[in-house]
Amino acid sequence: MKILPDWLKNGYLRLMEPIADWLVRRGVHPNTITVLGTVFMVAGGVLYGTGHIMTGGWLLGITALTDVLDGMVARSSGKSSVFGAFLDSSLDRVADGAVLAGLAVFYALNPLHHSVPMVVVCLAGIIGAFMTSYTRARAEALGLDAKVGMLQRPERVVMLSVPQAFFGLTLNGWVLAIIINILTITAWITVVQRIKYVYDHTRPSPPAVKPEPETKSTEHRLWASRSGPQQKQTTSARPMLKGK
């Protein structure tokens, strides 16, 4: 089960192709897009922390374009590199942590929406987001592609930006709180799904069952049943001795 269907992701990627082609023609390096995207994501987290939820949501929604543009530009321009993939993955963790940390600061310091339980939920969401990426990275180190689970990178970016951009603190902040709880729960469900995936693909197969050899008593009975009539026949054929 996925939160965002594949047809929606593919349609979004097709919309981004003209922008990626334009950036390639301008000679923009994909690593530059990655770094700028991270800077704006951190800025969005700062806006969240200061209570500007709707403004931060719009900024993150626009910045989310860079989450796919850097990879598309790298492939189209032939500038894909191992370091670029490493940089992108590392800065994605910085961006996720900054946004969720901003929300945790908002619930910790905002006098109107102060909530210790929501601070805990935000912290659990940070750990869940990091574990989602870490479990996949460790699986790839084992030669497995654990790109499974409900909440992957595109879904997380959408949930951290789109609802906040349109709803902000609507209904006294309940919409925001529900989104954060869904984000945290699905992140940990994804972690469990990836752990189970690796377990299913790495556990040893059960040993083959060998047929049990016949027991000694069975062999003895078979020998007795075969030799019994011969013994009876030999006994009856012996001559009677004197005195019997």
C-alpha atoms as a PDB file:
ATOM      1  CA  MET A   1       0.000   0.000   0.000  1.00  0.00           C
ATOM      2  CA  LYS A   2       1.296   3.468  -0.978  1.00  0.00           C
ATOM      3  CA  ILE A   3       0.004   6.890   0.004  1.00  0.00           C
ATOM      4  CA  LEU A   4       0.766   8.405  -3.414  1.00  0.00           C
ATOM      5  CA  PRO A   5      -0.207   6.231  -6.412  1.00  0.00           C
ATOM      6  CA  ASP A   6       2.332   5.614  -9.163  1.00  0.00           C
ATOM      7  CA  TRP A   7       0.247   7.388 -11.810  1.00  0.00           C
ATOM      8  CA  LEU A   8       0.379  10.587  -9.780  1.00  0.00           C
ATOM      9  CA  LYS A   9       4.165  10.364  -9.327  1.00  0.00           C
ATOM     10  CA  ASN A  10       4.713   9.650 -13.031  1.00  0.00           C
ATOM     11  CA  GLY A  11       2.486  12.550 -14.024  1.00  0.00           C
ATOM     12  CA  TYR A  12       4.391  14.879 -11.717  1.00  0.00           C
ATOM     13  CA  LEU A  13       7.704  13.758 -13.218  1.00  0.00           C
ATOM     14  CA  ARG A  14       6.423  14.466 -16.732  1.00  0.00           C
ATOM     15  CA  LEU A  15       5.488  17.981 -15.667  1.00  0.00           C
ATOM     16  CA  MET A  16       9.010  18.504 -14.332  1.00  0.00           C
ATOM     17  CA  GLU A  17      10.745  17.428 -17.559  1.00  0.00           C
ATOM     18  CA  PRO A  18      10.542  20.852 -19.312  1.00  0.00           C
ATOM     19  CA  ILE A  19      11.987  22.567 -16.219  1.00  0.00           C
ATOM     20  CA  ALA A  20      14.791  20.019 -16.027  1.00  0.00           C
ATOM     21  CA  ASP A  21      15.576  20.487 -19.739  1.00  0.00           C
ATOM     22  CA  TRP A  22      15.713  24.265 -19.249  1.00  0.00           C
ATOM     23  CA  LEU A  23      18.162  23.889 -16.348  1.00  0.00           C
ATOM     24  CA  VAL A  24      20.330  21.535 -18.423  1.00  0.00           C
ATOM     25  CA  ARG A  25      20.496  24.074 -21.256  1.00  0.00           C
ATOM     26  CA  ARG A  26      21.570  26.726 -18.740  1.00  0.00           C
ATOM     27  CA  GLY A  27      24.364  24.462 -17.492  1.00  0.00           C
ATOM     28  CA  VAL A  28      23.113  24.313 -13.896  1.00  0.00           C
ATOM     29  CA  HIS A  29      24.957  21.638 -11.928  1.00  0.00           C
ATOM     30  CA  PRO A  30      22.711  19.104 -10.136  1.00  0.00           C
ATOM     31  CA  ASN A  31      24.693  19.437  -6.889  1.00  0.00           C
ATOM     32  CA  THR A  32      23.874  23.169  -6.882  1.00  0.00           C
ATOM     33  CA  ILE A  33      20.169  22.314  -7.044  1.00  0.00           C
ATOM     34  CA  THR A  34      20.587  19.858  -4.172  1.00  0.00           C
ATOM     35  CA  VAL A  35      22.313  22.381  -1.903  1.00  0.00           C
ATOM     36  CA  LEU A  36      19.873  25.206  -2.679  1.00  0.00           C
ATOM     37  CA  GLY A  37      16.928  22.903  -2.061  1.00  0.00           C
ATOM     38  CA  THR A  38      18.309  21.957   1.339  1.00  0.00           C
ATOM     39  CA  VAL A  39      18.825  25.625   2.271  1.00  0.00           C
ATOM     40  CA  PHE A  40      15.193  26.424   1.451  1.00  0.00           C
ATOM     41  CA  MET A  41      13.963  23.331   3.329  1.00  0.00           C
ATOM     42  CA  VAL A  42      15.850  24.477   6.430  1.00  0.00           C
ATOM     43  CA  ALA A  43      14.321  27.931   5.975  1.00  0.00           C
ATOM     44  CA  GLY A  44      10.895  26.302   5.863  1.00  0.00           C
ATOM     45  CA  GLY A  45      11.657  24.543   9.125  1.00  0.00           C
ATOM     46  CA  VAL A  46      12.581  27.898  10.677  1.00  0.00           C
ATOM     47  CA  LEU A  47       9.254  29.340   9.507  1.00  0.00           C
ATOM     48  CA  TYR A  48       7.449  26.398  11.101  1.00  0.00           C
ATOM     49  CA  GLY A  49       9.302  26.927  14.354  1.00  0.00           C
ATOM     50  CA  THR A  50       8.306  30.598  14.477  1.00  0.00           C
ATOM     51  CA  GLY A  51       4.635  29.780  13.868  1.00  0.00           C
ATOM     52  CA  HIS A  52       4.357  30.793  10.189  1.00  0.00           C
ATOM     53  CA  ILE A  53       2.875  27.436   9.211  1.00  0.00           C
ATOM     54  CA  MET A  54       1.104  28.429   5.995  1.00  0.00           C
ATOM     55  CA  THR A  55       4.035  30.471   4.676  1.00  0.00           C
ATOM     56  CA  GLY A  56       6.439  27.645   5.508  1.00  0.00           C
ATOM     57  CA  GLY A  57       4.155  25.165   3.742  1.00  0.00           C
ATOM     58  CA  TRP A  58       4.177  27.202   0.513  1.00  0.00           C
ATOM     59  CA  LEU A  59       7.951  27.588   0.660  1.00  0.00           C
ATOM     60  CA  LEU A  60       8.433  23.860   1.197  1.00  0.00           C
ATOM     61  CA  GLY A  61       5.928  23.044  -1.543  1.00  0.00           C
ATOM     62  CA  ILE A  62       7.885  25.100  -4.078  1.00  0.00           C
ATOM     63  CA  THR A  63      11.206  23.787  -2.782  1.00  0.00           C
ATOM     64  CA  ALA A  64       9.941  20.218  -3.179  1.00  0.00           C
ATOM     65  CA  LEU A  65      10.541  20.665  -6.913  1.00  0.00           C
ATOM     66  CA  THR A  66      14.273  20.403  -6.281  1.00  0.00           C
ATOM     67  CA  ASP A  67      13.776  16.986  -4.709  1.00  0.00           C
ATOM     68  CA  VAL A  68      13.295  15.483  -8.165  1.00  0.00           C
ATOM     69  CA  LEU A  69      14.928  18.127 -10.356  1.00  0.00           C
ATOM     70  CA  ASP A  70      18.488  17.428  -9.201  1.00  0.00           C
ATOM     71  CA  GLY A  71      18.248  13.783 -10.211  1.00  0.00           C
ATOM     72  CA  MET A  72      16.546  14.566 -13.529  1.00  0.00           C
ATOM     73  CA  VAL A  73      19.157  17.205 -14.401  1.00  0.00           C
ATOM     74  CA  ALA A  74      21.978  14.843 -13.437  1.00  0.00           C
ATOM     75  CA  ARG A  75      20.679  12.112 -15.742  1.00  0.00           C
ATOM     76  CA  SER A  76      19.858  14.442 -18.648  1.00  0.00           C
ATOM     77  CA  SER A  77      23.205  16.254 -18.526  1.00  0.00           C
ATOM     78  CA  GLY A  78      25.305  13.145 -17.958  1.00  0.00           C
ATOM     79  CA  LYS A  79      26.608  14.539 -14.672  1.00  0.00           C
ATOM     80  CA  SER A  80      25.447  11.686 -12.462  1.00  0.00           C
ATOM     81  CA  SER A  81      28.091  10.692  -9.952  1.00  0.00           C
ATOM     82  CA  VAL A  82      28.526   8.613  -6.833  1.00  0.00           C
ATOM     83  CA  PHE A  83      29.312  11.725  -4.814  1.00  0.00           C
ATOM     84  CA  GLY A  84      26.178  13.441  -6.131  1.00  0.00           C
ATOM     85  CA  ALA A  85      24.007  10.549  -4.970  1.00  0.00           C
ATOM     86  CA  PHE A  86      25.774  10.569  -1.583  1.00  0.00           C
ATOM     87  CA  LEU A  87      25.344  14.348  -1.218  1.00  0.00           C
ATOM     88  CA  ASP A  88      21.667  14.190  -2.158  1.00  0.00           C
ATOM     89  CA  SER A  89      20.929  11.401   0.320  1.00  0.00           C
ATOM     90  CA  SER A  90      22.836  13.112   3.138  1.00  0.00           C
ATOM     91  CA  LEU A  91      21.221  16.530   2.653  1.00  0.00           C
ATOM     92  CA  ASP A  92      17.769  14.921   2.449  1.00  0.00           C
ATOM     93  CA  ARG A  93      18.260  13.820   6.060  1.00  0.00           C
ATOM     94  CA  VAL A  94      19.218  17.388   7.010  1.00  0.00           C
ATOM     95  CA  ALA A  95      16.078  18.728   5.334  1.00  0.00           C
ATOM     96  CA  ASP A  96      13.752  16.191   6.984  1.00  0.00           C
ATOM     97  CA  GLY A  97      15.285  16.786  10.389  1.00  0.00           C
ATOM     98  CA  ALA A  98      15.083  20.582  10.033  1.00  0.00           C
ATOM     99  CA  VAL A  99      11.400  20.586   9.072  1.00  0.00           C
ATOM    100  CA  LEU A 100      10.292  18.193  11.819  1.00  0.00           C
ATOM    101  CA  ALA A 101      12.534  19.923  14.347  1.00  0.00           C
ATOM    102  CA  GLY A 102      10.861  23.223  13.418  1.00  0.00           C
ATOM    103  CA  LEU A 103       7.472  21.692  14.157  1.00  0.00           C
ATOM    104  CA  ALA A 104       8.771  20.343  17.477  1.00  0.00           C
ATOM    105  CA  VAL A 105      10.007  23.844  18.407  1.00  0.00           C
ATOM    106  CA  PHE A 106       6.613  25.268  17.424  1.00  0.00           C
ATOM    107  CA  TYR A 107       4.778  22.948  19.820  1.00  0.00           C
ATOM    108  CA  ALA A 108       7.357  23.504  22.538  1.00  0.00           C
ATOM    109  CA  LEU A 109       7.436  27.327  22.492  1.00  0.00           C
ATOM    110  CA  ASN A 110       4.178  28.562  20.985  1.00  0.00           C
ATOM    111  CA  PRO A 111       2.003  29.818  23.879  1.00  0.00           C
ATOM    112  CA  LEU A 112      -1.289  29.051  22.108  1.00  0.00           C
ATOM    113  CA  HIS A 113      -0.447  25.631  20.656  1.00  0.00           C
ATOM    114  CA  HIS A 114       1.999  24.408  23.309  1.00  0.00           C
ATOM    115  CA  SER A 115       1.764  20.606  23.571  1.00  0.00           C
ATOM    116  CA  VAL A 116       4.296  18.258  25.123  1.00  0.00           C
ATOM    117  CA  PRO A 117       2.689  15.151  23.511  1.00  0.00           C
ATOM    118  CA  MET A 118       3.031  16.747  20.064  1.00  0.00           C
ATOM    119  CA  VAL A 119       6.683  17.530  20.782  1.00  0.00           C
ATOM    120  CA  VAL A 120       7.169  13.821  21.491  1.00  0.00           C
ATOM    121  CA  VAL A 121       5.315  12.904  18.276  1.00  0.00           C
ATOM    122  CA  CYS A 122       7.562  15.246  16.264  1.00  0.00           C
ATOM    123  CA  LEU A 123      10.695  13.720  17.800  1.00  0.00           C
ATOM    124  CA  ALA A 124       9.374  10.230  17.054  1.00  0.00           C
ATOM    125  CA  GLY A 125       8.743  11.423  13.488  1.00  0.00           C
ATOM    126  CA  ILE A 126      12.359  12.571  13.152  1.00  0.00           C
ATOM    127  CA  ILE A 127      13.644   9.185  14.319  1.00  0.00           C
ATOM    128  CA  GLY A 128      11.163   7.378  12.067  1.00  0.00           C
ATOM    129  CA  ALA A 129      12.216   9.434   9.035  1.00  0.00           C
ATOM    130  CA  PHE A 130      15.887   8.699   9.696  1.00  0.00           C
ATOM    131  CA  MET A 131      15.199   4.990  10.274  1.00  0.00           C
ATOM    132  CA  THR A 132      13.200   4.797   7.046  1.00  0.00           C
ATOM    133  CA  SER A 133      16.247   5.897   5.099  1.00  0.00           C
ATOM    134  CA  TYR A 134      18.747   3.973   7.223  1.00  0.00           C
ATOM    135  CA  THR A 135      16.988   0.613   6.835  1.00  0.00           C
ATOM    136  CA  ARG A 136      16.979   0.999   3.063  1.00  0.00           C
ATOM    137  CA  ALA A 137      20.658   2.013   3.022  1.00  0.00           C
ATOM    138  CA  ARG A 138      21.640  -0.999   5.131  1.00  0.00           C
ATOM    139  CA  ALA A 139      19.549  -3.283   2.921  1.00  0.00           C
ATOM    140  CA  GLU A 140      21.318  -1.962  -0.171  1.00  0.00           C
ATOM    141  CA  ALA A 141      24.658  -2.668   1.536  1.00  0.00           C
ATOM    142  CA  LEU A 142      23.460  -6.286   1.797  1.00  0.00           C
ATOM    143  CA  GLY A 143      22.564  -6.371  -1.892  1.00  0.00           C
ATOM    144  CA  LEU A 144      18.796  -5.876  -1.417  1.00  0.00           C
ATOM    145  CA  ASP A 145      16.558  -3.132  -2.782  1.00  0.00           C
ATOM    146  CA  ALA A 146      14.252  -2.445   0.160  1.00  0.00           C
ATOM    147  CA  LYS A 147      12.274   0.296  -1.574  1.00  0.00           C
ATOM    148  CA  VAL A 148       9.079  -0.888   0.051  1.00  0.00           C
ATOM    149  CA  GLY A 149       6.661   0.544   2.574  1.00  0.00           C
ATOM    150  CA  MET A 150       3.915   3.136   2.874  1.00  0.00           C
ATOM    151  CA  LEU A 151       5.990   6.281   3.398  1.00  0.00           C
ATOM    152  CA  GLN A 152       8.876   7.015   1.066  1.00  0.00           C
ATOM    153  CA  ARG A 153      10.627  10.292   0.307  1.00  0.00           C
ATOM    154  CA  PRO A 154       8.004  11.812  -2.080  1.00  0.00           C
ATOM    155  CA  GLU A 155       5.140  11.065   0.310  1.00  0.00           C
ATOM    156  CA  ARG A 156       7.032  12.567   3.235  1.00  0.00           C
ATOM    157  CA  VAL A 157       7.788  15.793   1.345  1.00  0.00           C
ATOM    158  CA  VAL A 158       4.156  16.146   0.262  1.00  0.00           C
ATOM    159  CA  MET A 159       2.816  15.583   3.780  1.00  0.00           C
ATOM    160  CA  LEU A 160       5.278  18.112   5.226  1.00  0.00           C
ATOM    161  CA  SER A 161       4.263  20.882   2.805  1.00  0.00           C
ATOM    162  CA  VAL A 162       0.946  20.639   0.944  1.00  0.00           C
ATOM    163  CA  PRO A 163      -1.537  20.364   3.871  1.00  0.00           C
ATOM    164  CA  GLN A 164       0.261  23.137   5.752  1.00  0.00           C
ATOM    165  CA  ALA A 165       0.224  25.404   2.680  1.00  0.00           C
ATOM    166  CA  PHE A 166      -3.541  25.085   2.223  1.00  0.00           C
ATOM    167  CA  PHE A 167      -4.769  24.674   5.794  1.00  0.00           C
ATOM    168  CA  GLY A 168      -2.117  26.202   8.058  1.00  0.00           C
ATOM    169  CA  LEU A 169      -3.522  26.219  11.597  1.00  0.00           C
ATOM    170  CA  THR A 170      -7.130  25.627  10.531  1.00  0.00           C
ATOM    171  CA  LEU A 171      -9.479  24.239  13.203  1.00  0.00           C
ATOM    172  CA  ASN A 172      -7.211  25.501  15.966  1.00  0.00           C
ATOM    173  CA  GLY A 173      -4.271  23.500  14.622  1.00  0.00           C
ATOM    174  CA  TRP A 174      -6.021  20.114  14.577  1.00  0.00           C
ATOM    175  CA  VAL A 175      -5.347  19.604  10.854  1.00  0.00           C
ATOM    176  CA  LEU A 176      -1.619  20.104  11.415  1.00  0.00           C
ATOM    177  CA  ALA A 177      -1.588  17.780  14.428  1.00  0.00           C
ATOM    178  CA  ILE A 178      -3.408  15.020  12.521  1.00  0.00           C
ATOM    179  CA  ILE A 179      -0.984  15.292   9.575  1.00  0.00           C
ATOM    180  CA  ILE A 180       2.045  15.020  11.878  1.00  0.00           C
ATOM    181  CA  ASN A 181       0.593  11.974  13.646  1.00  0.00           C
ATOM    182  CA  ILE A 182      -0.131  10.266  10.309  1.00  0.00           C
ATOM    183  CA  LEU A 183       3.392  11.094   9.139  1.00  0.00           C
ATOM    184  CA  THR A 184       4.980   9.604  12.260  1.00  0.00           C
ATOM    185  CA  ILE A 185       2.847   6.455  12.325  1.00  0.00           C
ATOM    186  CA  THR A 186       3.356   5.666   8.635  1.00  0.00           C
ATOM    187  CA  ALA A 187       7.099   6.296   8.969  1.00  0.00           C
ATOM    188  CA  TRP A 188       7.388   3.619  11.653  1.00  0.00           C
ATOM    189  CA  ILE A 189       5.131   1.255   9.704  1.00  0.00           C
ATOM    190  CA  THR A 190       7.545   1.657   6.779  1.00  0.00           C
ATOM    191  CA  VAL A 191      10.497   0.872   9.062  1.00  0.00           C
ATOM    192  CA  VAL A 192       8.827  -2.373  10.194  1.00  0.00           C
ATOM    193  CA  GLN A 193       7.950  -3.293   6.600  1.00  0.00           C
ATOM    194  CA  ARG A 194      11.562  -2.844   5.481  1.00  0.00           C
ATOM    195  CA  ILE A 195      12.937  -4.821   8.406  1.00  0.00           C
ATOM    196  CA  LYS A 196      10.504  -7.639   7.569  1.00  0.00           C
ATOM    197  CA  TYR A 197      11.519  -7.453   3.890  1.00  0.00           C
ATOM    198  CA  VAL A 198      15.198  -7.887   4.762  1.00  0.00           C
ATOM    199  CA  TYR A 199      14.396 -10.687   7.210  1.00  0.00           C
ATOM    200  CA  ASP A 200      12.337 -12.588   4.630  1.00  0.00           C
ATOM    201  CA  HIS A 201      15.131 -12.309   2.044  1.00  0.00           C
ATOM    202  CA  THR A 202      18.028 -13.202   4.332  1.00  0.00           C
ATOM    203  CA  ARG A 203      16.728 -15.930   6.638  1.00  0.00           C
ATOM    204  CA  PRO A 204      18.196 -19.362   5.931  1.00  0.00           C
ATOM    205  CA  SER A 205      15.978 -21.886   4.207  1.00  0.00           C
ATOM    206  CA  PRO A 206      14.835 -24.804   6.387  1.00  0.00           C
ATOM    207  CA  PRO A 207      17.006 -27.949   6.089  1.00  0.00           C
ATOM    208  CA  ALA A 208      15.748 -30.745   3.880  1.00  0.00           C
ATOM    209  CA  VAL A 209      14.054 -33.592   5.745  1.00  0.00           C
ATOM    210  CA  LYS A 210      16.023 -36.846   5.354  1.00  0.00           C
ATOM    211  CA  PRO A 211      14.183 -40.186   5.337  1.00  0.00           C
ATOM    212  CA  GLU A 212      14.678 -42.088   8.584  1.00  0.00           C
ATOM    213  CA  PRO A 213      16.605 -45.388   8.250  1.00  0.00           C
ATOM    214  CA  GLU A 214      14.815 -48.587   9.172  1.00  0.00           C
ATOM    215  CA  THR A 215      15.242 -49.541  12.804  1.00  0.00           C
ATOM    216  CA  LYS A 216      17.014 -52.654  13.954  1.00  0.00           C
ATOM    217  CA  SER A 217      13.834 -54.214  15.269  1.00  0.00           C
ATOM    218  CA  THR A 218      12.150 -53.765  11.885  1.00  0.00           C
ATOM    219  CA  GLU A 219      15.089 -55.407  10.125  1.00  0.00           C
ATOM    220  CA  HIS A 220      15.043 -58.232  12.679  1.00  0.00           C
ATOM    221  CA  ARG A 221      11.321 -58.823  12.110  1.00  0.00           C
ATOM    222  CA  LEU A 222      11.827 -58.878   8.372  1.00  0.00           C
ATOM    223  CA  TRP A 223      14.686 -61.368   8.740  1.00  0.00           C
ATOM    224  CA  ALA A 224      12.661 -63.533  11.085  1.00  0.00           C
ATOM    225  CA  SER A 225       9.651 -63.537   8.794  1.00  0.00           C
ATOM    226  CA  ARG A 226      11.813 -64.618   5.896  1.00  0.00           C
ATOM    227  CA  SER A 227      13.824 -67.290   7.761  1.00  0.00           C
ATOM    228  CA  GLY A 228      10.994 -68.662   9.929  1.00  0.00           C
ATOM    229  CA  PRO A 229       9.455 -71.139   7.451  1.00  0.00           C
ATOM    230  CA  GLN A 230      12.869 -72.473   6.519  1.00  0.00           C
ATOM    231  CA  GLN A 231      13.683 -73.156  10.174  1.00  0.00           C
ATOM    232  CA  LYS A 232      10.342 -74.934  10.687  1.00  0.00           C
ATOM    233  CA  GLN A 233      10.920 -77.039   7.592  1.00  0.00           C
ATOM    234  CA  THR A 234      14.427 -77.990   8.741  1.00  0.00           C
ATOM    235  CA  THR A 235      13.194 -78.980  12.193  1.00  0.00           C
ATOM    236  CA  SER A 236      10.483 -81.262  10.841  1.00  0.00           C
ATOM    237  CA  ALA A 237      12.947 -82.933   8.505  1.00  0.00           C
ATOM    238  CA  ARG A 238      15.423 -83.951  11.256  1.00  0.00           C
ATOM    239  CA  PRO A 239      15.402 -87.705  12.138  1.00  0.00           C
ATOM    240  CA  MET A 240      13.939 -88.731  15.498  1.00  0.00           C
ATOM    241  CA  LEU A 241      16.605 -89.732  18.020  1.00  0.00           C
ATOM    242  CA  LYS A 242      16.351 -92.768  20.229  1.00  0.00           C
ATOM    243  CA  GLY A 243      14.353 -92.185  23.358  1.00  0.00           C
ATOM    244  CA  LYS A 244      12.094 -89.520  21.837  1.00  0.00           C
END
